[in-house]
Amino acid sequence: MAEVLFGKNKILLFREFVGEDNIEDAKGMVFQTEHTFSYSRSLDRILTKSGTIVKVGGLESEVSIEAIQAKTDPIGTMLRASVLAGKKLELWEVTVDEEMKDVDDKYPSVYCRGYLDSWENGANVEDESTISSNFIIEMVPQTGVTGLSTAQEEAVQYAFEEAVGTPIV
């Protein structure tokens, strides 16, 4: 039977693109609230005397990102700076669901490279300050699996700890 996949199980991780041999772990923004991964392509209808034919355009992909702004967030700061400087980024959408891990303990994910084309900081008097951004993807996003470091997994969800100060093994 099919089960529901919850949006809270899909996280975004970012890293500045510095080349193929980057050794730093990707990291997530603090307080991500929502993102939307979009794929689209233009389809031009051409009417002929024999019927309609369709001319298929190139794939366009983007990720819209929403978050609550943290007072300190090194990844949020790096992302904002990347918009100002026009720096290329790497982005992973990782589905962190234990039931979906593969035999190597890796999670399903989508990987892509691109640029943030906008950065907005909303500051409503009655609400938290927010961040909105849009990631424009170069070429075609790649699907696969990725592992997460202990620090990345802890950032997603802390593990249960004993009240007596000794972690459960």
N, C-alpha and C. Protein backbone atom coordinates (compact mmCIF):
# COMPACT_ATOMS: atom_id res chain seq x y z
N MET A 1 0.84 -1.18 0.00
CA MET A 1 0.00 0.00 0.00
C MET A 1 0.88 1.24 0.00
N ALA A 2 0.50 2.23 -0.75
CA ALA A 2 1.25 3.48 -0.84
C ALA A 2 1.13 4.26 0.47
N GLU A 3 2.23 4.93 0.84
CA GLU A 3 2.26 5.77 2.03
C GLU A 3 2.55 7.20 1.64
N VAL A 4 2.11 8.12 2.46
CA VAL A 4 2.31 9.55 2.22
C VAL A 4 3.76 9.92 2.54
N LEU A 5 4.34 10.76 1.71
CA LEU A 5 5.66 11.33 1.97
C LEU A 5 5.44 12.76 2.44
N PHE A 6 5.91 13.07 3.63
CA PHE A 6 5.70 14.39 4.20
C PHE A 6 6.80 15.36 3.79
N GLY A 7 6.43 16.61 3.55
CA GLY A 7 7.37 17.64 3.14
C GLY A 7 8.47 17.86 4.16
N LYS A 8 8.18 17.63 5.45
CA LYS A 8 9.20 17.84 6.48
C LYS A 8 10.37 16.87 6.31
N ASN A 9 10.16 15.79 5.56
CA ASN A 9 11.21 14.81 5.34
C ASN A 9 12.11 15.16 4.16
N LYS A 10 11.81 16.25 3.46
CA LYS A 10 12.65 16.69 2.35
C LYS A 10 13.37 17.96 2.77
N ILE A 11 14.69 17.88 2.81
CA ILE A 11 15.49 19.02 3.25
C ILE A 11 16.37 19.50 2.09
N LEU A 12 16.79 20.75 2.19
CA LEU A 12 17.73 21.30 1.22
C LEU A 12 19.08 21.48 1.89
N LEU A 13 20.13 21.07 1.18
CA LEU A 13 21.49 21.30 1.62
C LEU A 13 22.19 22.11 0.54
N PHE A 14 23.10 22.99 0.96
CA PHE A 14 23.78 23.90 0.05
C PHE A 14 25.28 23.85 0.26
N ARG A 15 25.99 24.19 -0.80
CA ARG A 15 27.43 24.36 -0.71
C ARG A 15 27.86 25.26 -1.87
N GLU A 16 28.82 26.14 -1.61
CA GLU A 16 29.36 26.95 -2.69
C GLU A 16 30.12 26.03 -3.63
N PHE A 17 29.89 26.18 -4.93
CA PHE A 17 30.57 25.33 -5.92
C PHE A 17 31.97 25.88 -6.15
N VAL A 18 32.97 25.06 -5.83
CA VAL A 18 34.36 25.48 -6.03
C VAL A 18 35.10 24.52 -6.97
N GLY A 19 34.39 23.56 -7.51
CA GLY A 19 35.00 22.60 -8.42
C GLY A 19 34.58 21.19 -8.09
N GLU A 20 35.03 20.28 -8.90
CA GLU A 20 34.63 18.87 -8.77
C GLU A 20 35.15 18.20 -7.51
N ASP A 21 36.21 18.70 -6.92
CA ASP A 21 36.82 18.01 -5.78
C ASP A 21 36.59 18.74 -4.46
N ASN A 22 35.40 19.31 -4.28
CA ASN A 22 35.07 20.00 -3.03
C ASN A 22 35.03 18.99 -1.89
N ILE A 23 35.69 19.31 -0.79
CA ILE A 23 35.74 18.37 0.33
C ILE A 23 34.88 18.80 1.51
N GLU A 24 34.24 19.96 1.45
CA GLU A 24 33.39 20.41 2.54
C GLU A 24 32.02 19.76 2.45
N ASP A 25 31.42 19.48 3.60
CA ASP A 25 30.06 18.96 3.63
C ASP A 25 29.07 20.06 3.28
N ALA A 26 28.03 19.70 2.57
CA ALA A 26 26.93 20.63 2.33
C ALA A 26 26.18 20.83 3.64
N LYS A 27 25.54 22.00 3.79
CA LYS A 27 24.83 22.30 5.03
C LYS A 27 23.47 22.91 4.71
N GLY A 28 22.57 22.80 5.67
CA GLY A 28 21.24 23.35 5.51
C GLY A 28 21.10 24.69 6.20
N MET A 29 20.16 25.49 5.70
CA MET A 29 19.81 26.74 6.37
C MET A 29 19.07 26.41 7.66
N VAL A 30 19.20 27.27 8.62
CA VAL A 30 18.43 27.14 9.86
C VAL A 30 16.98 27.54 9.55
N PHE A 31 16.02 26.85 10.09
CA PHE A 31 14.59 27.20 10.03
C PHE A 31 13.99 27.22 8.62
N GLN A 32 14.41 26.29 7.76
CA GLN A 32 13.74 26.16 6.46
C GLN A 32 12.28 25.81 6.73
N THR A 33 11.38 26.47 6.04
CA THR A 33 9.96 26.18 6.24
C THR A 33 9.31 25.53 5.02
N GLU A 34 9.80 25.89 3.84
CA GLU A 34 9.15 25.38 2.64
C GLU A 34 10.08 25.53 1.45
N HIS A 35 9.98 24.60 0.53
CA HIS A 35 10.63 24.77 -0.76
C HIS A 35 9.79 24.05 -1.81
N THR A 36 9.94 24.51 -3.05
CA THR A 36 9.22 23.90 -4.17
C THR A 36 10.21 23.66 -5.29
N PHE A 37 10.35 22.42 -5.69
CA PHE A 37 11.22 22.04 -6.81
C PHE A 37 10.34 22.03 -8.05
N SER A 38 10.65 22.87 -9.04
CA SER A 38 9.80 23.00 -10.23
C SER A 38 10.56 22.62 -11.49
N TYR A 39 9.88 21.87 -12.34
CA TYR A 39 10.39 21.53 -13.67
C TYR A 39 9.37 22.04 -14.68
N SER A 40 9.86 22.67 -15.74
CA SER A 40 8.93 23.10 -16.79
C SER A 40 9.67 23.13 -18.12
N ARG A 41 8.90 23.08 -19.18
CA ARG A 41 9.46 23.28 -20.52
C ARG A 41 8.38 23.89 -21.39
N SER A 42 8.80 24.72 -22.30
CA SER A 42 7.83 25.34 -23.20
C SER A 42 7.44 24.34 -24.28
N LEU A 43 6.19 24.34 -24.61
CA LEU A 43 5.66 23.51 -25.68
C LEU A 43 4.94 24.43 -26.65
N ASP A 44 5.45 24.53 -27.85
CA ASP A 44 4.82 25.37 -28.88
C ASP A 44 3.96 24.49 -29.78
N ARG A 45 2.71 24.88 -29.89
CA ARG A 45 1.80 24.16 -30.79
C ARG A 45 1.88 24.80 -32.17
N ILE A 46 2.09 23.97 -33.16
CA ILE A 46 2.15 24.46 -34.53
C ILE A 46 1.01 23.79 -35.30
N LEU A 47 0.10 24.61 -35.76
CA LEU A 47 -1.04 24.09 -36.51
C LEU A 47 -0.63 23.83 -37.95
N THR A 48 -0.92 22.65 -38.42
CA THR A 48 -0.67 22.31 -39.82
C THR A 48 -1.98 21.82 -40.42
N LYS A 49 -2.01 21.66 -41.71
CA LYS A 49 -3.21 21.16 -42.38
C LYS A 49 -3.47 19.71 -42.01
N SER A 50 -2.42 19.01 -41.53
CA SER A 50 -2.59 17.60 -41.14
C SER A 50 -2.95 17.45 -39.66
N GLY A 51 -2.84 18.51 -38.91
CA GLY A 51 -3.10 18.46 -37.48
C GLY A 51 -2.02 19.21 -36.72
N THR A 52 -2.14 19.25 -35.42
CA THR A 52 -1.21 19.98 -34.57
C THR A 52 0.04 19.16 -34.32
N ILE A 53 1.20 19.82 -34.43
CA ILE A 53 2.44 19.20 -33.99
C ILE A 53 2.98 20.06 -32.84
N VAL A 54 3.80 19.45 -32.02
CA VAL A 54 4.32 20.14 -30.84
C VAL A 54 5.83 20.24 -30.94
N LYS A 55 6.33 21.45 -30.76
CA LYS A 55 7.76 21.70 -30.70
C LYS A 55 8.14 21.81 -29.23
N VAL A 56 9.03 20.91 -28.78
CA VAL A 56 9.39 20.81 -27.37
C VAL A 56 10.63 21.66 -27.09
N GLY A 57 10.51 22.57 -26.12
CA GLY A 57 11.62 23.43 -25.71
C GLY A 57 12.47 22.77 -24.64
N GLY A 58 13.53 23.44 -24.24
CA GLY A 58 14.45 22.92 -23.22
C GLY A 58 13.84 22.92 -21.83
N LEU A 59 14.38 22.07 -20.99
CA LEU A 59 13.91 21.96 -19.60
C LEU A 59 14.41 23.15 -18.80
N GLU A 60 13.52 23.73 -18.01
CA GLU A 60 13.87 24.78 -17.06
C GLU A 60 13.50 24.28 -15.68
N SER A 61 14.43 24.40 -14.75
CA SER A 61 14.19 23.92 -13.38
C SER A 61 14.59 25.00 -12.39
N GLU A 62 13.87 25.05 -11.29
CA GLU A 62 14.21 26.00 -10.23
C GLU A 62 13.66 25.50 -8.90
N VAL A 63 14.19 26.06 -7.84
CA VAL A 63 13.74 25.73 -6.49
C VAL A 63 13.44 27.03 -5.77
N SER A 64 12.18 27.22 -5.37
CA SER A 64 11.84 28.38 -4.54
C SER A 64 12.04 27.97 -3.08
N ILE A 65 12.57 28.89 -2.30
CA ILE A 65 12.98 28.58 -0.93
C ILE A 65 12.37 29.60 0.03
N GLU A 66 11.83 29.09 1.13
CA GLU A 66 11.27 29.94 2.19
C GLU A 66 11.88 29.50 3.52
N ALA A 67 12.18 30.47 4.37
CA ALA A 67 12.73 30.17 5.69
C ALA A 67 12.41 31.32 6.63
N ILE A 68 12.48 31.02 7.91
CA ILE A 68 12.43 32.06 8.93
C ILE A 68 13.87 32.46 9.19
N GLN A 69 14.13 33.74 9.24
CA GLN A 69 15.50 34.22 9.40
C GLN A 69 15.99 33.98 10.82
N ALA A 70 17.16 33.39 10.93
CA ALA A 70 17.81 33.20 12.23
C ALA A 70 18.72 34.39 12.50
N LYS A 71 18.96 34.67 13.78
CA LYS A 71 19.87 35.77 14.12
C LYS A 71 21.27 35.50 13.60
N THR A 72 21.69 34.25 13.70
CA THR A 72 22.98 33.85 13.12
C THR A 72 22.77 32.54 12.36
N ASP A 73 23.18 32.53 11.11
CA ASP A 73 23.09 31.34 10.27
C ASP A 73 24.15 31.46 9.18
N PRO A 74 25.28 30.78 9.35
CA PRO A 74 26.37 30.90 8.37
C PRO A 74 25.94 30.52 6.95
N ILE A 75 25.06 29.56 6.81
CA ILE A 75 24.62 29.16 5.47
C ILE A 75 23.72 30.24 4.87
N GLY A 76 22.82 30.80 5.66
CA GLY A 76 22.00 31.91 5.18
C GLY A 76 22.86 33.08 4.74
N THR A 77 23.91 33.37 5.51
CA THR A 77 24.83 34.45 5.16
C THR A 77 25.56 34.14 3.86
N MET A 78 26.02 32.89 3.69
CA MET A 78 26.71 32.48 2.47
C MET A 78 25.78 32.56 1.26
N LEU A 79 24.52 32.14 1.44
CA LEU A 79 23.56 32.19 0.33
C LEU A 79 23.27 33.63 -0.09
N ARG A 80 23.07 34.50 0.88
CA ARG A 80 22.84 35.91 0.56
C ARG A 80 24.04 36.49 -0.18
N ALA A 81 25.24 36.18 0.28
CA ALA A 81 26.46 36.67 -0.37
C ALA A 81 26.58 36.13 -1.79
N SER A 82 26.10 34.90 -2.02
CA SER A 82 26.19 34.32 -3.37
C SER A 82 25.31 35.06 -4.36
N VAL A 83 24.18 35.59 -3.89
CA VAL A 83 23.33 36.40 -4.77
C VAL A 83 24.06 37.69 -5.13
N LEU A 84 24.63 38.34 -4.13
CA LEU A 84 25.31 39.61 -4.35
C LEU A 84 26.52 39.47 -5.28
N ALA A 85 27.24 38.34 -5.17
CA ALA A 85 28.46 38.15 -5.95
C ALA A 85 28.24 37.31 -7.21
N GLY A 86 27.04 36.74 -7.39
CA GLY A 86 26.79 35.90 -8.55
C GLY A 86 27.56 34.59 -8.53
N LYS A 87 27.72 33.99 -7.34
CA LYS A 87 28.48 32.75 -7.21
C LYS A 87 27.61 31.52 -7.45
N LYS A 88 28.22 30.53 -8.08
CA LYS A 88 27.53 29.26 -8.35
C LYS A 88 27.46 28.44 -7.07
N LEU A 89 26.32 27.76 -6.89
CA LEU A 89 26.08 26.92 -5.72
C LEU A 89 25.74 25.50 -6.15
N GLU A 90 25.87 24.59 -5.20
CA GLU A 90 25.36 23.24 -5.34
C GLU A 90 24.19 23.11 -4.38
N LEU A 91 23.17 22.36 -4.78
CA LEU A 91 21.98 22.16 -3.96
C LEU A 91 21.60 20.69 -4.01
N TRP A 92 21.25 20.14 -2.86
CA TRP A 92 20.72 18.79 -2.76
C TRP A 92 19.35 18.87 -2.12
N GLU A 93 18.39 18.18 -2.68
CA GLU A 93 17.12 17.94 -2.00
C GLU A 93 17.19 16.49 -1.54
N VAL A 94 17.27 16.29 -0.23
CA VAL A 94 17.45 14.95 0.34
C VAL A 94 16.17 14.54 1.04
N THR A 95 15.69 13.35 0.72
CA THR A 95 14.51 12.80 1.38
C THR A 95 14.98 11.99 2.58
N VAL A 96 14.90 12.60 3.75
CA VAL A 96 15.40 11.98 4.98
C VAL A 96 14.26 11.17 5.60
N ASP A 97 14.14 9.94 5.13
CA ASP A 97 13.11 9.02 5.60
C ASP A 97 13.78 7.66 5.76
N GLU A 98 13.84 7.19 6.99
CA GLU A 98 14.54 5.93 7.29
C GLU A 98 14.06 4.77 6.43
N GLU A 99 12.77 4.73 6.12
CA GLU A 99 12.21 3.63 5.33
C GLU A 99 12.64 3.69 3.86
N MET A 100 13.16 4.83 3.42
CA MET A 100 13.55 4.98 2.02
C MET A 100 15.05 4.86 1.81
N LYS A 101 15.82 4.62 2.88
CA LYS A 101 17.27 4.44 2.74
C LYS A 101 17.56 3.21 1.90
N ASP A 102 18.68 3.24 1.16
CA ASP A 102 19.07 2.07 0.39
C ASP A 102 19.94 1.15 1.26
N VAL A 103 20.47 0.09 0.67
CA VAL A 103 21.25 -0.89 1.44
C VAL A 103 22.55 -0.30 2.00
N ASP A 104 23.02 0.81 1.45
CA ASP A 104 24.23 1.46 1.94
C ASP A 104 23.92 2.60 2.91
N ASP A 105 22.68 2.65 3.42
CA ASP A 105 22.24 3.71 4.34
C ASP A 105 22.28 5.10 3.71
N LYS A 106 21.99 5.18 2.43
CA LYS A 106 21.96 6.47 1.74
C LYS A 106 20.52 6.83 1.41
N TYR A 107 20.26 8.14 1.39
CA TYR A 107 18.91 8.66 1.17
C TYR A 107 18.71 9.06 -0.29
N PRO A 108 17.48 8.93 -0.80
CA PRO A 108 17.18 9.42 -2.15
C PRO A 108 17.38 10.93 -2.20
N SER A 109 17.94 11.41 -3.30
CA SER A 109 18.19 12.84 -3.40
C SER A 109 18.23 13.32 -4.84
N VAL A 110 18.12 14.61 -4.98
CA VAL A 110 18.27 15.29 -6.26
C VAL A 110 19.42 16.27 -6.08
N TYR A 111 20.33 16.29 -7.04
CA TYR A 111 21.50 17.17 -6.98
C TYR A 111 21.48 18.10 -8.17
N CYS A 112 21.85 19.36 -7.94
CA CYS A 112 21.92 20.30 -9.05
C CYS A 112 22.88 21.44 -8.71
N ARG A 113 23.24 22.17 -9.77
CA ARG A 113 24.09 23.35 -9.64
C ARG A 113 23.36 24.53 -10.25
N GLY A 114 23.63 25.70 -9.72
CA GLY A 114 22.99 26.88 -10.27
C GLY A 114 23.27 28.11 -9.44
N TYR A 115 22.35 29.07 -9.55
CA TYR A 115 22.52 30.37 -8.93
C TYR A 115 21.23 30.82 -8.27
N LEU A 116 21.36 31.53 -7.16
CA LEU A 116 20.20 32.20 -6.58
C LEU A 116 19.99 33.49 -7.35
N ASP A 117 18.78 33.71 -7.84
CA ASP A 117 18.52 34.92 -8.62
C ASP A 117 17.85 36.01 -7.80
N SER A 118 17.54 35.72 -6.55
CA SER A 118 16.88 36.72 -5.71
C SER A 118 17.11 36.38 -4.24
N TRP A 119 16.93 37.40 -3.41
CA TRP A 119 17.03 37.23 -1.96
C TRP A 119 16.15 38.30 -1.34
N GLU A 120 15.11 37.89 -0.65
CA GLU A 120 14.19 38.83 -0.03
C GLU A 120 14.11 38.56 1.46
N ASN A 121 14.17 39.64 2.25
CA ASN A 121 13.99 39.54 3.70
C ASN A 121 12.71 40.27 4.08
N GLY A 122 11.65 39.50 4.34
CA GLY A 122 10.40 40.09 4.80
C GLY A 122 10.48 40.39 6.29
N ALA A 123 9.92 41.52 6.70
CA ALA A 123 9.98 41.91 8.10
C ALA A 123 8.64 42.52 8.53
N ASN A 124 7.63 41.67 8.70
CA ASN A 124 6.32 42.10 9.14
C ASN A 124 6.36 42.40 10.64
N VAL A 125 5.68 43.43 11.07
CA VAL A 125 5.70 43.85 12.46
C VAL A 125 5.17 42.76 13.41
N GLU A 126 4.28 41.90 12.95
CA GLU A 126 3.67 40.89 13.82
C GLU A 126 4.24 39.50 13.67
N ASP A 127 5.17 39.30 12.73
CA ASP A 127 5.68 37.96 12.45
C ASP A 127 7.20 37.91 12.51
N GLU A 128 7.71 36.70 12.37
CA GLU A 128 9.14 36.50 12.29
C GLU A 128 9.67 37.09 10.99
N SER A 129 10.91 37.51 10.99
CA SER A 129 11.55 37.95 9.75
C SER A 129 11.76 36.71 8.88
N THR A 130 11.49 36.84 7.59
CA THR A 130 11.55 35.69 6.70
C THR A 130 12.58 35.89 5.59
N ILE A 131 12.92 34.79 4.95
CA ILE A 131 13.80 34.79 3.79
C ILE A 131 13.07 34.08 2.67
N SER A 132 13.11 34.68 1.48
CA SER A 132 12.59 34.05 0.27
C SER A 132 13.68 34.15 -0.78
N SER A 133 13.89 33.05 -1.49
CA SER A 133 14.90 33.06 -2.53
C SER A 133 14.49 32.09 -3.63
N ASN A 134 15.17 32.20 -4.75
CA ASN A 134 14.86 31.35 -5.89
C ASN A 134 16.16 30.86 -6.50
N PHE A 135 16.30 29.54 -6.60
CA PHE A 135 17.50 28.90 -7.12
C PHE A 135 17.25 28.48 -8.56
N ILE A 136 17.99 29.05 -9.50
CA ILE A 136 17.84 28.72 -10.92
C ILE A 136 18.88 27.64 -11.25
N ILE A 137 18.41 26.52 -11.77
CA ILE A 137 19.25 25.35 -12.01
C ILE A 137 19.85 25.37 -13.41
N GLU A 138 21.15 25.10 -13.46
CA GLU A 138 21.83 24.91 -14.74
C GLU A 138 21.68 23.45 -15.17
N MET A 139 21.44 23.24 -16.43
CA MET A 139 21.33 21.90 -17.02
C MET A 139 20.22 21.09 -16.34
N VAL A 140 20.36 19.77 -16.31
CA VAL A 140 19.30 18.90 -15.81
C VAL A 140 19.66 18.38 -14.42
N PRO A 141 18.78 18.54 -13.43
CA PRO A 141 19.04 17.99 -12.10
C PRO A 141 19.26 16.47 -12.19
N GLN A 142 20.13 15.97 -11.32
CA GLN A 142 20.48 14.56 -11.31
C GLN A 142 19.89 13.88 -10.08
N THR A 143 19.29 12.73 -10.27
CA THR A 143 18.74 11.98 -9.13
C THR A 143 19.70 10.87 -8.76
N GLY A 144 19.73 10.55 -7.48
CA GLY A 144 20.61 9.50 -6.98
C GLY A 144 20.38 9.31 -5.50
N VAL A 145 21.43 8.91 -4.81
CA VAL A 145 21.37 8.74 -3.36
C VAL A 145 22.58 9.42 -2.76
N THR A 146 22.43 9.87 -1.51
CA THR A 146 23.55 10.48 -0.80
C THR A 146 23.51 10.09 0.66
N GLY A 147 24.68 9.96 1.22
CA GLY A 147 24.77 9.75 2.65
C GLY A 147 24.76 11.10 3.35
N LEU A 148 24.53 11.07 4.64
CA LEU A 148 24.59 12.28 5.45
C LEU A 148 25.62 12.06 6.56
N SER A 149 26.40 13.08 6.84
CA SER A 149 27.35 13.00 7.95
C SER A 149 26.57 13.01 9.26
N THR A 150 27.24 12.68 10.33
CA THR A 150 26.61 12.73 11.65
C THR A 150 26.10 14.14 11.94
N ALA A 151 26.90 15.15 11.60
CA ALA A 151 26.50 16.54 11.84
C ALA A 151 25.27 16.90 11.02
N GLN A 152 25.21 16.44 9.77
CA GLN A 152 24.05 16.73 8.93
C GLN A 152 22.80 16.05 9.49
N GLU A 153 22.93 14.80 9.91
CA GLU A 153 21.77 14.10 10.48
C GLU A 153 21.32 14.75 11.78
N GLU A 154 22.25 15.19 12.60
CA GLU A 154 21.90 15.86 13.86
C GLU A 154 21.20 17.19 13.60
N ALA A 155 21.58 17.86 12.52
CA ALA A 155 20.93 19.13 12.19
C ALA A 155 19.48 18.90 11.77
N VAL A 156 19.20 17.73 11.21
CA VAL A 156 17.84 17.41 10.79
C VAL A 156 16.99 17.05 12.01
N GLN A 157 17.51 16.21 12.86
CA GLN A 157 16.75 15.77 14.03
C GLN A 157 17.72 15.24 15.08
N TYR A 158 17.64 15.76 16.27
CA TYR A 158 18.49 15.24 17.32
C TYR A 158 18.05 13.83 17.71
N ALA A 159 19.00 13.04 18.21
CA ALA A 159 18.72 11.67 18.62
C ALA A 159 18.22 11.65 20.06
N PHE A 160 17.51 10.59 20.42
CA PHE A 160 17.03 10.43 21.79
C PHE A 160 18.22 10.28 22.72
N GLU A 161 18.17 10.94 23.86
CA GLU A 161 19.21 10.86 24.87
C GLU A 161 18.59 10.41 26.19
N GLU A 162 19.35 9.63 26.94
CA GLU A 162 18.93 9.22 28.29
C GLU A 162 18.96 10.42 29.22
N ALA A 163 18.06 10.45 30.19
CA ALA A 163 18.01 11.54 31.16
C ALA A 163 19.21 11.55 32.07
N VAL A 164 19.88 10.40 32.21
CA VAL A 164 21.04 10.30 33.10
C VAL A 164 22.34 10.75 32.43
N GLY A 165 22.27 11.20 31.20
CA GLY A 165 23.46 11.75 30.54
C GLY A 165 24.24 10.77 29.69
N THR A 166 23.76 9.54 29.53
CA THR A 166 24.44 8.57 28.69
C THR A 166 23.57 8.28 27.47
N PRO A 167 24.12 8.50 26.26
CA PRO A 167 23.32 8.22 25.06
C PRO A 167 22.96 6.74 24.93
N ILE A 168 21.80 6.47 24.41
CA ILE A 168 21.39 5.09 24.13
C ILE A 168 22.20 4.59 22.95
N VAL A 169 22.72 3.41 23.06
CA VAL A 169 23.53 2.83 21.98
C VAL A 169 22.70 1.93 21.12
